[in-house]
Protein backbone atom coordinates (compact mmCIF):
# COMPACT_ATOMS: atom_id res chain seq x y z
CA MET A 1 -8.31 -8.65 -21.75
CA THR A 2 -10.54 -6.42 -19.67
CA PRO A 3 -9.19 -6.26 -16.01
CA SER A 4 -11.45 -7.31 -13.23
CA PRO A 5 -13.13 -4.61 -11.08
CA GLU A 6 -10.55 -5.34 -8.30
CA HIS A 7 -7.56 -5.10 -10.85
CA ALA A 8 -9.03 -1.83 -12.26
CA ARG A 9 -9.30 -0.40 -8.74
CA LEU A 10 -5.66 -1.38 -8.02
CA ALA A 11 -4.52 0.24 -11.32
CA SER A 12 -6.39 3.39 -10.41
CA GLU A 13 -4.67 3.55 -7.02
CA LEU A 14 -1.28 3.03 -8.60
CA LYS A 15 -1.88 5.85 -11.08
CA ALA A 16 -2.81 8.16 -8.18
CA LEU A 17 0.43 7.18 -6.42
CA ARG A 18 2.46 7.84 -9.51
CA GLU A 19 0.93 11.31 -9.85
CA ARG A 20 1.92 12.07 -6.28
CA THR A 21 5.50 11.16 -7.01
CA GLY A 22 5.65 13.66 -9.95
CA LEU A 23 7.64 11.09 -11.88
CA SER A 24 7.05 10.02 -15.44
CA LEU A 25 7.33 6.35 -16.46
CA SER A 26 10.98 6.88 -17.35
CA GLY A 27 11.49 8.46 -13.92
CA LEU A 28 9.88 5.48 -12.20
CA ALA A 29 12.12 3.17 -14.10
CA ALA A 30 15.15 5.18 -13.00
CA LYS A 31 14.14 5.08 -9.37
CA THR A 32 13.02 1.37 -9.20
CA ALA A 33 14.02 -2.01 -10.37
CA TYR A 34 11.22 -2.17 -12.98
CA SER A 35 11.42 -0.98 -16.58
CA ARG A 36 9.39 1.77 -18.28
CA SER A 37 7.30 -0.74 -20.27
CA SER A 38 6.60 -2.74 -17.11
CA TRP A 39 5.24 0.29 -15.27
CA GLU A 40 3.10 1.11 -18.37
CA ARG A 41 1.42 -2.37 -18.03
CA TYR A 42 1.03 -2.10 -14.34
CA LEU A 43 -0.57 1.39 -14.30
CA ASN A 44 -3.01 0.52 -17.18
CA GLY A 45 -4.05 -2.80 -15.68
CA LYS A 46 -2.48 -4.89 -18.31
CA ALA A 47 -0.33 -6.84 -15.88
CA LEU A 48 -0.35 -7.47 -12.07
CA PRO A 49 2.66 -5.73 -10.59
CA PRO A 50 4.86 -7.56 -8.09
CA ARG A 51 4.20 -6.80 -4.44
CA GLN A 52 7.58 -5.08 -4.18
CA ALA A 53 6.75 -2.70 -7.00
CA VAL A 54 3.76 -1.48 -5.11
CA ARG A 55 5.76 -1.07 -1.98
CA GLU A 56 8.48 0.97 -3.85
CA LEU A 57 5.78 3.15 -5.57
CA CYS A 58 4.29 3.96 -2.09
CA LEU A 59 7.72 4.86 -0.70
CA LEU A 60 8.39 7.25 -3.62
CA ALA A 61 5.01 8.85 -3.14
CA GLY A 62 5.54 9.26 0.60
CA GLU A 63 2.23 7.41 1.30
CA PRO A 64 1.42 4.57 3.69
CA GLU A 65 1.48 1.14 1.89
CA GLY A 66 -1.41 -0.55 3.63
CA ARG A 67 -4.26 0.40 1.43
CA ALA A 68 -2.37 -0.28 -1.79
CA LEU A 69 -1.15 -3.69 -0.48
CA ALA A 70 -4.67 -4.62 0.62
CA LEU A 71 -5.93 -3.93 -2.94
CA TRP A 72 -3.06 -5.89 -4.33
CA GLU A 73 -3.76 -8.91 -2.13
CA ILE A 74 -7.38 -8.92 -3.37
CA THR A 75 -6.46 -8.59 -6.86
CA GLU A 76 -3.62 -11.16 -6.66
CA SER A 77 -6.07 -13.64 -5.17
CA GLY A 78 -8.51 -13.30 -8.06
CA TRP A 79 -5.57 -13.26 -10.59
CA SER A 80 -4.26 -16.59 -9.38
CA GLY A 81 -7.62 -18.19 -9.22
CA ARG A 82 -7.75 -18.74 -5.44
CA ALA A 83 -10.84 -16.47 -4.98
CA LYS A 84 -12.71 -18.54 -7.56
CA GLU A 85 -12.06 -21.85 -5.83
CA ALA A 86 -15.20 -23.51 -4.46
CA PRO A 87 -16.28 -27.07 -3.82
CA GLN A 88 -18.13 -28.57 -6.80
CA VAL A 89 -20.29 -31.61 -6.92
CA SER A 90 -19.84 -33.86 -9.86
CA PRO A 91 -23.22 -34.89 -11.52
CA SER A 92 -22.16 -38.45 -11.73
CA ARG A 93 -20.83 -38.84 -8.20
CA PRO A 94 -22.34 -37.65 -4.91
CA ALA A 95 -20.17 -35.30 -2.92
CA ALA A 96 -18.46 -36.54 0.13
CA THR A 97 -20.41 -35.42 3.23
CA PRO A 98 -18.52 -34.44 6.40
CA ARG A 99 -19.29 -36.08 9.66
CA PRO A 100 -21.89 -34.16 11.67
CA GLU A 101 -19.51 -33.76 14.65
CA ALA A 102 -16.66 -32.42 12.50
CA THR A 103 -19.13 -29.89 10.81
CA ALA A 104 -20.31 -28.78 14.17
CA ARG A 105 -16.72 -28.17 15.41
CA SER A 106 -15.92 -26.00 12.34
CA THR A 107 -19.01 -23.77 12.74
CA GLY A 108 -18.97 -23.57 16.56
CA ALA A 109 -22.62 -24.90 16.71
CA PRO A 110 -23.57 -27.86 18.90
CA PRO A 111 -23.31 -31.15 17.11
CA THR A 112 -26.45 -32.50 15.45
CA LEU A 113 -27.07 -36.12 16.30
CA VAL A 114 -28.11 -38.37 13.38
CA HIS A 115 -29.23 -41.86 14.36
CA ALA A 116 -27.53 -44.48 12.19
CA GLN A 117 -29.75 -46.84 10.29
CA VAL A 118 -28.83 -50.52 9.96
CA ALA A 119 -29.43 -51.85 6.45
CA PRO A 120 -31.33 -55.20 6.32
CA PRO A 121 -29.78 -58.29 4.75
CA ALA A 122 -29.35 -58.00 0.94
CA HIS A 123 -32.00 -60.69 0.30
CA GLN A 124 -34.58 -58.61 2.14
CA LEU A 125 -33.96 -55.40 0.18
CA PRO A 126 -36.87 -54.32 -1.99
CA HIS A 127 -36.23 -53.97 -5.57
CA ARG A 128 -35.90 -50.17 -5.84
CA PRO A 129 -32.92 -47.72 -6.00
CA VAL A 130 -31.26 -47.12 -2.67
CA SER A 131 -30.75 -43.45 -1.58
CA ALA A 132 -29.38 -41.72 1.60
CA PRO A 133 -31.96 -40.84 4.22
CA PRO A 134 -33.55 -37.50 3.27
CA GLY A 135 -33.15 -36.14 6.81
CA ARG A 136 -29.41 -36.77 6.98
CA ARG A 137 -28.78 -35.39 3.44
CA THR A 138 -30.66 -32.21 4.34
CA VAL A 139 -28.80 -31.70 7.65
CA THR A 140 -25.40 -32.30 6.06
CA LEU A 141 -26.21 -29.89 3.13
CA LEU A 142 -27.37 -27.15 5.40
CA ALA A 143 -24.34 -27.46 7.64
CA PHE A 144 -21.96 -27.36 4.57
CA LEU A 145 -23.71 -24.23 3.16
CA ALA A 146 -23.55 -22.49 6.64
CA THR A 147 -19.81 -23.21 6.77
CA VAL A 148 -19.22 -21.77 3.23
CA CYS A 149 -21.25 -18.68 3.93
CA ALA A 150 -19.49 -18.06 7.25
CA VAL A 151 -15.95 -18.23 5.68
CA ALA A 152 -17.13 -15.93 2.79
CA VAL A 153 -18.62 -13.30 5.18
CA ALA A 154 -15.51 -13.42 7.39
CA GLY A 155 -13.09 -12.90 4.46
CA ALA A 156 -15.22 -9.90 3.09
CA THR A 157 -15.29 -8.42 6.61
CA VAL A 158 -11.52 -8.52 7.10
CA ALA A 159 -10.88 -6.99 3.68
CA LEU A 160 -13.33 -4.18 4.38
CA VAL A 161 -11.77 -3.41 7.78
CA VAL A 162 -8.24 -3.30 6.30
CA LEU A 163 -9.30 -0.99 3.42
CA THR A 164 -11.33 1.32 5.68
CA ARG A 165 -8.51 1.55 8.27
CA ASP A 166 -5.79 2.24 5.68
CA HIS A 167 -7.95 4.70 3.67
CA GLY A 168 -8.43 6.67 6.93
CA ALA A 169 -4.73 6.71 7.63
CA ALA A 170 -3.97 7.96 4.10
CA ARG A 171 -6.57 10.65 4.34
CA HIS A 172 -5.19 12.09 7.58
CA SER A 173 -1.40 11.54 6.90
CA ALA A 174 -1.12 15.03 5.35
CA ALA A 175 -1.98 16.77 8.54
CA PRO A 176 0.69 17.52 11.15
CA ALA A 177 0.94 14.67 13.62
CA SER A 178 0.27 15.44 17.19
CA SER A 179 2.73 12.86 18.50
CA ALA A 180 5.96 11.33 17.20
CA SER A 181 4.53 7.78 16.69
CA ALA A 182 6.62 5.41 14.61
CA PRO A 183 5.35 5.06 10.95
CA PRO A 184 4.42 1.49 9.70
CA THR A 185 7.82 1.28 7.92
CA ARG A 186 10.23 2.12 10.77
CA PRO A 187 12.94 4.63 9.66
CA THR A 188 16.61 3.57 10.31
CA CYS A 189 17.61 6.83 12.04
CA ARG A 190 16.46 9.52 14.51
CA GLY A 191 17.53 13.05 15.37
CA ALA A 192 21.28 13.69 15.15
CA ALA A 193 21.74 10.29 13.59
CA CYS A 194 19.89 11.47 10.43
CA GLU A 195 22.27 14.39 9.82
CA GLY A 196 23.39 14.38 6.24
CA LEU A 197 21.59 11.11 5.30
CA SER A 198 19.08 10.54 2.50
CA PRO A 199 15.40 10.75 3.48
CA MET A 200 14.53 7.86 1.11
CA VAL A 201 17.30 5.44 2.00
CA THR A 202 16.63 5.94 5.69
CA LYS A 203 12.81 5.63 5.11
CA CYS A 204 12.27 9.00 6.77
CA GLY A 205 10.53 9.79 3.45
CA ALA A 206 7.54 7.67 4.36
CA GLN A 207 4.60 9.65 5.73
CA PRO A 208 6.33 13.05 6.14
CA GLU A 209 4.70 16.42 6.78
CA THR A 210 4.88 19.06 4.07
CA LEU A 211 5.74 22.36 5.92
CA VAL A 212 5.55 24.51 2.78
CA ARG A 213 5.29 24.16 -1.14
CA ARG A 214 6.31 26.99 -3.45
CA ARG A 215 6.48 27.48 -7.23
CA MET A 216 9.65 29.14 -8.29
CA SER A 217 10.01 31.85 -10.94
CA THR A 218 11.26 29.26 -13.48
CA GLY A 219 8.11 27.04 -13.02
CA ALA A 220 9.95 24.46 -10.85
CA TRP A 221 8.38 23.38 -7.62
CA MET A 222 10.02 23.15 -4.21
CA GLU A 223 8.80 21.71 -0.83
CA VAL A 224 10.19 21.47 2.61
CA ARG A 225 9.34 18.19 4.35
CA TYR A 226 9.68 16.95 7.91
CA ASN A 227 9.34 13.60 9.60
CA ARG A 228 8.39 14.02 13.21
CA TRP A 229 9.54 10.54 14.23
CA CYS A 230 12.93 11.07 12.61
CA ALA A 231 13.10 14.65 13.98
CA ALA A 232 14.62 15.69 10.63
CA SER A 233 13.80 17.93 7.73
CA TRP A 234 14.79 18.20 4.07
CA ALA A 235 13.89 19.95 0.84
CA ARG A 236 13.01 18.52 -2.52
CA THR A 237 12.23 19.97 -6.02
CA TRP A 238 10.75 18.67 -9.30
CA GLY A 239 10.22 20.22 -12.68
CA ALA A 240 13.66 21.91 -12.48
CA ARG A 241 16.34 22.22 -15.17
CA VAL A 242 19.80 20.93 -15.39
CA GLY A 243 22.14 23.05 -13.31
CA ASP A 244 19.43 24.38 -10.84
CA ARG A 245 20.32 24.13 -7.20
CA ILE A 246 18.45 23.90 -3.97
CA GLU A 247 19.52 24.20 -0.32
CA MET A 248 18.04 24.18 3.10
CA SER A 249 18.95 24.63 6.79
CA ALA A 250 17.19 24.60 10.16
CA ASP A 251 17.82 27.44 12.66
CA GLY A 252 20.16 26.79 15.60
CA ALA A 253 23.80 27.40 16.19
CA GLY A 254 25.96 25.41 13.79
CA SER A 255 23.23 24.04 11.79
CA PRO A 256 24.63 22.81 8.47
CA VAL A 257 23.31 23.82 5.09
CA ARG A 258 22.18 20.81 2.98
CA ARG A 259 22.46 21.17 -0.77
CA ALA A 260 21.39 19.33 -4.01
CA LYS A 261 21.95 19.95 -7.66
CA ILE A 262 19.93 18.88 -10.73
CA LYS A 263 22.72 17.00 -12.61
CA ASP A 264 21.14 15.43 -15.77
CA ASP A 265 17.84 14.66 -17.66
CA VAL A 266 16.96 11.86 -15.27
CA ASP A 267 16.98 14.43 -12.35
CA THR A 268 14.77 16.79 -14.48
CA ASP A 269 12.18 14.01 -14.66
CA SER A 270 12.36 13.05 -11.04
CA PHE A 271 12.22 14.35 -7.43
CA VAL A 272 15.69 15.64 -6.31
CA TYR A 273 16.22 15.65 -2.50
CA THR A 274 18.74 17.41 -0.24
CA PRO A 275 20.24 15.42 2.59
CA MET A 276 18.41 15.75 5.99
CA THR A 277 19.22 17.96 8.84
CA ALA A 278 18.16 17.33 12.45
CA THR A 279 15.22 19.61 13.24
CA LEU A 280 13.42 20.23 16.60
CA PRO A 281 9.72 21.12 17.01
CA GLY A 282 9.23 24.86 16.77
CA ALA A 283 12.38 25.29 14.54
CA VAL A 284 12.37 27.61 11.52
CA VAL A 285 13.51 25.95 8.24
CA THR A 286 14.88 28.07 5.43
CA ALA A 287 14.90 26.76 1.91
CA CYS A 288 16.41 28.43 -1.21
CA PHE A 289 16.21 27.74 -4.99
CA GLN A 290 18.92 28.98 -7.35
CA PRO A 291 18.26 28.69 -11.10
CA ALA A 292 21.17 27.66 -13.24
CA ALA A 293 20.95 30.92 -15.37
CA SER A 294 20.90 33.23 -12.39
CA ASP A 295 22.99 34.14 -9.25
CA THR A 296 19.89 35.24 -7.41
CA LYS A 297 18.43 32.80 -4.84
CA GLU A 298 14.71 32.56 -4.14
CA CYS A 299 14.35 31.81 -0.43
CA PHE A 300 11.39 31.17 1.99
CA ASP A 301 10.85 30.09 5.53
CA SER A 302 8.60 27.55 7.26
CA ARG A 303 8.12 26.50 10.90
CA VAL A 304 7.84 23.11 12.39
CA ALA A 305 4.79 22.80 14.63
CA GLN A 306 5.30 22.32 18.32
């Protein structure tokens, strides 16, 4: 079955998020509650993913979830058939017409007065089919159509505003933030309370700044990341080999060194993170990569903006 345009757009967004994670389908399965075959269907538009799957993918990608969830809401509405529901008039029975005063309240327009007509006694009725007064039928139909159009326009406007707002947020999230405003998904620690904790478990991994990205001599990649609201930094690597190690520390007296090791094949197909260390604006963060087959470390520095 060919996916709808909305579903195709959602699948494209999910593919882009998956690429940002650097994870394969097996890696996604290892990091989430969904299987490899499920992710294959979700990313190719063969099945609608659960809302929680979309949220977990955004978290792994370190991206805000608003845009992807807005696309999911639109797609889910069409998938379940709610978007296609519309009042239908049966050819054999006339549709029920709302009272003029009720229609006026729903549209915000002043009520249209319709004078009631008293039918003559049955023995005085002419021998011809009886139909509703044309004027009343026209007024009622116009009011009904105006209500339907108003609801449709309002729904499209809300969806457009949400998508535009979240697209702007996603576009600017890579730039260093000028203030420590809390992200949409509030982290569970800040400053010294984040020391030694996982950036993903604490949700500090949502919307971080990338201070520096380097490619190592082995072909592996390494980044130093910083969340201004959490006031903490950490390092991560991908494309590494079993036995490779990474470490990082922020300057300052007594600053601990945070380390991580690539332990198995699942790690080689995923991001591997060090625990976090509390980091103040202006601090210098040092990160090092040590290949399994060498005793030599490859180190580099980055600085947190003031």
